[in-house]
Amino acid sequence: MRVKKNLKPLGRVVRSTIGGQVVVAMEREKPVPLGSKVYFEREGRMREIGKVVDIIGNVKNPYAIVRLADKDLAEELEELYFEFWRPPRRRSGWKSSRR
């Protein structure tokens, strides 16, 4: 996978859980959209590891909960990055072919 230009730093991993999730101390106060893909760097390559499923904590020091695709990765994670997720746009209007 090539390095993506639109990746932003998410933060550092504080704790991992048995259920395959990690708690990340976020570097930014602005919330990350739920469902955003999370990446980490290994040997100069970015690898997708999971998604943001929840934001917890207070407004000044938020934490992100990341569900990992592979539970074995939780021990080697340190610095994580994310890619903004936006829901797809809904189509509006009426199609004339549906009459």
C-alpha atoms as a PDB file:
ATOM      1  CA  MET A   1       0.000   0.000   0.000  1.00  0.00           C
ATOM      2  CA  ARG A   2       1.327   3.419  -0.904  1.00  0.00           C
ATOM      3  CA  VAL A   3       1.469   6.180   1.672  1.00  0.00           C
ATOM      4  CA  LYS A   4      -1.779   8.126   1.535  1.00  0.00           C
ATOM      5  CA  LYS A   5      -1.561  11.908   1.561  1.00  0.00           C
ATOM      6  CA  ASN A   6      -4.772  12.452   3.497  1.00  0.00           C
ATOM      7  CA  LEU A   7      -3.702  10.570   6.652  1.00  0.00           C
ATOM      8  CA  LYS A   8      -3.632  12.579   9.868  1.00  0.00           C
ATOM      9  CA  PRO A   9      -2.063  11.580  13.207  1.00  0.00           C
ATOM     10  CA  LEU A  10      -4.630  10.103  15.585  1.00  0.00           C
ATOM     11  CA  GLY A  11      -2.528   9.631  18.718  1.00  0.00           C
ATOM     12  CA  ARG A  12      -0.695   7.073  20.804  1.00  0.00           C
ATOM     13  CA  VAL A  13      -2.038   3.798  22.176  1.00  0.00           C
ATOM     14  CA  VAL A  14      -2.644   3.918  25.923  1.00  0.00           C
ATOM     15  CA  ARG A  15      -4.193   0.515  26.590  1.00  0.00           C
ATOM     16  CA  SER A  16      -5.345  -2.598  24.766  1.00  0.00           C
ATOM     17  CA  THR A  17      -8.277  -4.823  25.716  1.00  0.00           C
ATOM     18  CA  ILE A  18      -8.852  -8.555  25.496  1.00  0.00           C
ATOM     19  CA  GLY A  19     -11.705  -8.019  23.039  1.00  0.00           C
ATOM     20  CA  GLY A  20      -9.431  -6.692  20.288  1.00  0.00           C
ATOM     21  CA  GLN A  21      -9.813  -2.978  20.919  1.00  0.00           C
ATOM     22  CA  VAL A  22      -7.289  -0.289  21.818  1.00  0.00           C
ATOM     23  CA  VAL A  23      -7.701   3.010  23.644  1.00  0.00           C
ATOM     24  CA  VAL A  24      -5.894   5.880  21.914  1.00  0.00           C
ATOM     25  CA  ALA A  25      -5.054   9.214  23.561  1.00  0.00           C
ATOM     26  CA  MET A  26      -5.985  11.596  20.756  1.00  0.00           C
ATOM     27  CA  GLU A  27      -3.664  14.443  19.778  1.00  0.00           C
ATOM     28  CA  ARG A  28      -6.556  16.616  18.646  1.00  0.00           C
ATOM     29  CA  GLU A  29      -9.554  18.048  20.451  1.00  0.00           C
ATOM     30  CA  LYS A  30     -11.739  17.999  17.351  1.00  0.00           C
ATOM     31  CA  PRO A  31     -13.562  14.653  17.219  1.00  0.00           C
ATOM     32  CA  VAL A  32     -12.721  12.032  14.633  1.00  0.00           C
ATOM     33  CA  PRO A  33     -15.725  10.748  12.646  1.00  0.00           C
ATOM     34  CA  LEU A  34     -16.850   7.306  13.797  1.00  0.00           C
ATOM     35  CA  GLY A  35     -16.057   4.705  11.184  1.00  0.00           C
ATOM     36  CA  SER A  36     -12.794   6.362  10.124  1.00  0.00           C
ATOM     37  CA  LYS A  37     -10.129   3.873   9.051  1.00  0.00           C
ATOM     38  CA  VAL A  38      -7.066   3.626  11.291  1.00  0.00           C
ATOM     39  CA  TYR A  39      -3.522   2.909  10.084  1.00  0.00           C
ATOM     40  CA  PHE A  40      -0.081   2.352  11.571  1.00  0.00           C
ATOM     41  CA  GLU A  41       3.357   2.454  10.031  1.00  0.00           C
ATOM     42  CA  ARG A  42       5.458  -0.685   9.772  1.00  0.00           C
ATOM     43  CA  GLU A  43       8.737  -0.794   7.860  1.00  0.00           C
ATOM     44  CA  GLY A  44       7.941   2.435   6.037  1.00  0.00           C
ATOM     45  CA  ARG A  45       4.507   1.258   4.851  1.00  0.00           C
ATOM     46  CA  MET A  46       1.086   2.233   6.161  1.00  0.00           C
ATOM     47  CA  ARG A  47      -1.139  -0.710   7.079  1.00  0.00           C
ATOM     48  CA  GLU A  48      -4.872  -0.513   7.787  1.00  0.00           C
ATOM     49  CA  ILE A  49      -5.630  -2.097  11.155  1.00  0.00           C
ATOM     50  CA  GLY A  50      -9.196  -1.153  12.096  1.00  0.00           C
ATOM     51  CA  LYS A  51     -11.857   1.523  12.583  1.00  0.00           C
ATOM     52  CA  VAL A  52     -12.790   4.144  15.165  1.00  0.00           C
ATOM     53  CA  VAL A  53     -15.892   2.895  17.000  1.00  0.00           C
ATOM     54  CA  ASP A  54     -16.270   5.361  19.894  1.00  0.00           C
ATOM     55  CA  ILE A  55     -14.946   8.594  21.424  1.00  0.00           C
ATOM     56  CA  ILE A  56     -14.752   8.773  25.229  1.00  0.00           C
ATOM     57  CA  GLY A  57     -13.379  11.112  27.881  1.00  0.00           C
ATOM     58  CA  ASN A  58     -13.745  14.827  28.364  1.00  0.00           C
ATOM     59  CA  VAL A  59     -13.630  17.485  25.663  1.00  0.00           C
ATOM     60  CA  LYS A  60     -10.086  18.670  26.421  1.00  0.00           C
ATOM     61  CA  ASN A  61      -8.515  15.174  26.517  1.00  0.00           C
ATOM     62  CA  PRO A  62     -10.572  12.804  24.352  1.00  0.00           C
ATOM     63  CA  TYR A  63      -9.793   9.139  23.774  1.00  0.00           C
ATOM     64  CA  ALA A  64     -10.706   7.075  20.713  1.00  0.00           C
ATOM     65  CA  ILE A  65     -11.709   3.415  20.879  1.00  0.00           C
ATOM     66  CA  VAL A  66     -10.379   1.514  17.859  1.00  0.00           C
ATOM     67  CA  ARG A  67     -11.648  -1.964  16.947  1.00  0.00           C
ATOM     68  CA  LEU A  68      -8.772  -3.952  15.459  1.00  0.00           C
ATOM     69  CA  ALA A  69      -9.148  -6.330  12.540  1.00  0.00           C
ATOM     70  CA  ASP A  70      -6.350  -8.520  13.981  1.00  0.00           C
ATOM     71  CA  LYS A  71      -6.153  -8.830  17.786  1.00  0.00           C
ATOM     72  CA  ASP A  72      -2.480  -9.873  17.692  1.00  0.00           C
ATOM     73  CA  LEU A  73      -1.410  -6.403  16.533  1.00  0.00           C
ATOM     74  CA  ALA A  74      -2.427  -4.709  19.806  1.00  0.00           C
ATOM     75  CA  GLU A  75       0.949  -5.306  21.462  1.00  0.00           C
ATOM     76  CA  GLU A  76       3.107  -3.705  18.771  1.00  0.00           C
ATOM     77  CA  LEU A  77       1.061  -0.555  18.125  1.00  0.00           C
ATOM     78  CA  GLU A  78       2.338   2.827  19.259  1.00  0.00           C
ATOM     79  CA  GLU A  79       1.504   5.784  16.994  1.00  0.00           C
ATOM     80  CA  LEU A  80      -1.671   5.601  14.901  1.00  0.00           C
ATOM     81  CA  TYR A  81      -3.003   7.586  11.937  1.00  0.00           C
ATOM     82  CA  PHE A  82      -6.524   7.940  10.555  1.00  0.00           C
ATOM     83  CA  GLU A  83      -8.262   8.698   7.283  1.00  0.00           C
ATOM     84  CA  PHE A  84     -11.391  10.862   7.410  1.00  0.00           C
ATOM     85  CA  TRP A  85     -14.598   8.974   6.697  1.00  0.00           C
ATOM     86  CA  ARG A  86     -17.575  10.718   5.184  1.00  0.00           C
ATOM     87  CA  PRO A  87     -20.894   9.033   4.581  1.00  0.00           C
ATOM     88  CA  PRO A  88     -21.853   8.683   0.926  1.00  0.00           C
ATOM     89  CA  ARG A  89     -24.105  11.388  -0.470  1.00  0.00           C
ATOM     90  CA  ARG A  90     -27.721  10.439  -0.891  1.00  0.00           C
ATOM     91  CA  ARG A  91     -29.257  10.761  -4.283  1.00  0.00           C
ATOM     92  CA  SER A  92     -32.041  13.244  -4.384  1.00  0.00           C
ATOM     93  CA  GLY A  93     -34.811  13.786  -6.842  1.00  0.00           C
ATOM     94  CA  TRP A  94     -37.139  11.598  -8.744  1.00  0.00           C
ATOM     95  CA  LYS A  95     -36.019   9.517 -11.668  1.00  0.00           C
ATOM     96  CA  SER A  96     -38.365   9.778 -14.616  1.00  0.00           C
ATOM     97  CA  SER A  97     -37.740   6.126 -15.535  1.00  0.00           C
ATOM     98  CA  ARG A  98     -39.490   4.949 -12.344  1.00  0.00           C
ATOM     99  CA  ARG A  99     -42.982   6.007 -13.426  1.00  0.00           C
END
